[in-house]
Amino acid sequence: MSALDWQKSSFSGEAANCLHIAAADDGTVKLHESDDPDTIVTTTPEKLRAFILGVKAGEFDHFAEVRGEE
């Protein structure tokens, strides 16, 4: 496997806790957090797209604390 070209969102700026993403030669997508770069999650582009669409649709909002509704 060649070296991965890790990228982070330009919205992250210089923040310490960023999610990095890379496309691997085998067609998979790799993800890791900047504070734990040795833990790498591997997925497919299709599964990542489905997850992102689910986040945008609010499917996972129940996992997050809703401020003001305690």
Protein backbone atom coordinates (compact mmCIF):
# COMPACT_ATOMS: atom_id res chain seq x y z
CA MET A 1 0.00 0.00 0.00
CA SER A 2 1.33 3.43 -0.87
CA ALA A 3 1.41 6.23 1.67
CA LEU A 4 -2.00 7.75 2.28
CA ASP A 5 -2.65 11.39 1.49
CA TRP A 6 -4.55 12.40 4.64
CA GLN A 7 -6.79 15.44 4.29
CA LYS A 8 -8.83 17.45 6.75
CA SER A 9 -11.59 19.96 6.23
CA SER A 10 -10.51 23.54 5.67
CA PHE A 11 -13.13 24.42 8.32
CA SER A 12 -10.95 22.68 10.93
CA GLY A 13 -8.28 25.37 10.79
CA GLU A 14 -5.58 24.56 13.31
CA ALA A 15 -7.91 22.78 15.74
CA ALA A 16 -6.37 19.82 17.55
CA ASN A 17 -9.22 17.31 17.31
CA CYS A 18 -9.83 16.89 13.60
CA LEU A 19 -11.09 14.04 11.48
CA HIS A 20 -8.76 13.14 8.63
CA ILE A 21 -9.80 11.20 5.52
CA ALA A 22 -7.82 9.45 2.79
CA ALA A 23 -8.59 7.42 -0.31
CA ALA A 24 -6.66 4.13 -0.43
CA ASP A 25 -5.37 2.41 -3.56
CA ASP A 26 -7.84 -0.46 -3.06
CA GLY A 27 -10.84 1.90 -3.37
CA THR A 28 -11.62 2.08 0.34
CA VAL A 29 -11.81 5.22 2.43
CA LYS A 30 -9.71 5.57 5.59
CA LEU A 31 -10.60 7.83 8.53
CA HIS A 32 -8.73 8.72 11.70
CA GLU A 33 -8.75 11.40 14.37
CA SER A 34 -5.77 13.69 14.71
CA ASP A 35 -5.44 12.89 18.42
CA ASP A 36 -5.36 9.09 17.73
CA PRO A 37 -3.84 8.63 14.27
CA ASP A 38 -2.97 4.96 14.81
CA THR A 39 -6.65 3.99 15.05
CA ILE A 40 -7.89 3.88 11.48
CA VAL A 41 -11.45 3.14 10.38
CA THR A 42 -11.85 1.63 6.91
CA THR A 43 -15.07 1.91 4.93
CA THR A 44 -16.32 2.13 1.38
CA PRO A 45 -17.25 5.35 -0.42
CA GLU A 46 -20.87 4.15 -0.57
CA LYS A 47 -21.10 3.48 3.17
CA LEU A 48 -19.42 6.80 3.99
CA ARG A 49 -21.89 8.61 1.73
CA ALA A 50 -24.84 6.87 3.42
CA PHE A 51 -23.48 7.83 6.85
CA ILE A 52 -23.00 11.48 5.86
CA LEU A 53 -26.51 11.63 4.42
CA GLY A 54 -27.83 10.12 7.66
CA VAL A 55 -26.01 12.73 9.73
CA LYS A 56 -27.40 15.52 7.56
CA ALA A 57 -30.90 14.04 7.92
CA GLY A 58 -30.62 14.01 11.71
CA GLU A 59 -30.71 10.21 12.08
CA PHE A 60 -28.07 10.30 14.82
CA ASP A 61 -29.16 13.40 16.71
CA HIS A 62 -30.34 11.28 19.64
CA PHE A 63 -26.68 10.43 20.37
CA ALA A 64 -25.84 14.09 20.98
CA GLU A 65 -26.85 16.11 24.00
CA VAL A 66 -29.42 18.71 23.08
CA ARG A 67 -28.57 21.96 24.85
CA GLY A 68 -31.36 23.62 26.78
CA GLU A 69 -33.43 20.45 27.06
CA GLU A 70 -31.91 18.86 30.16
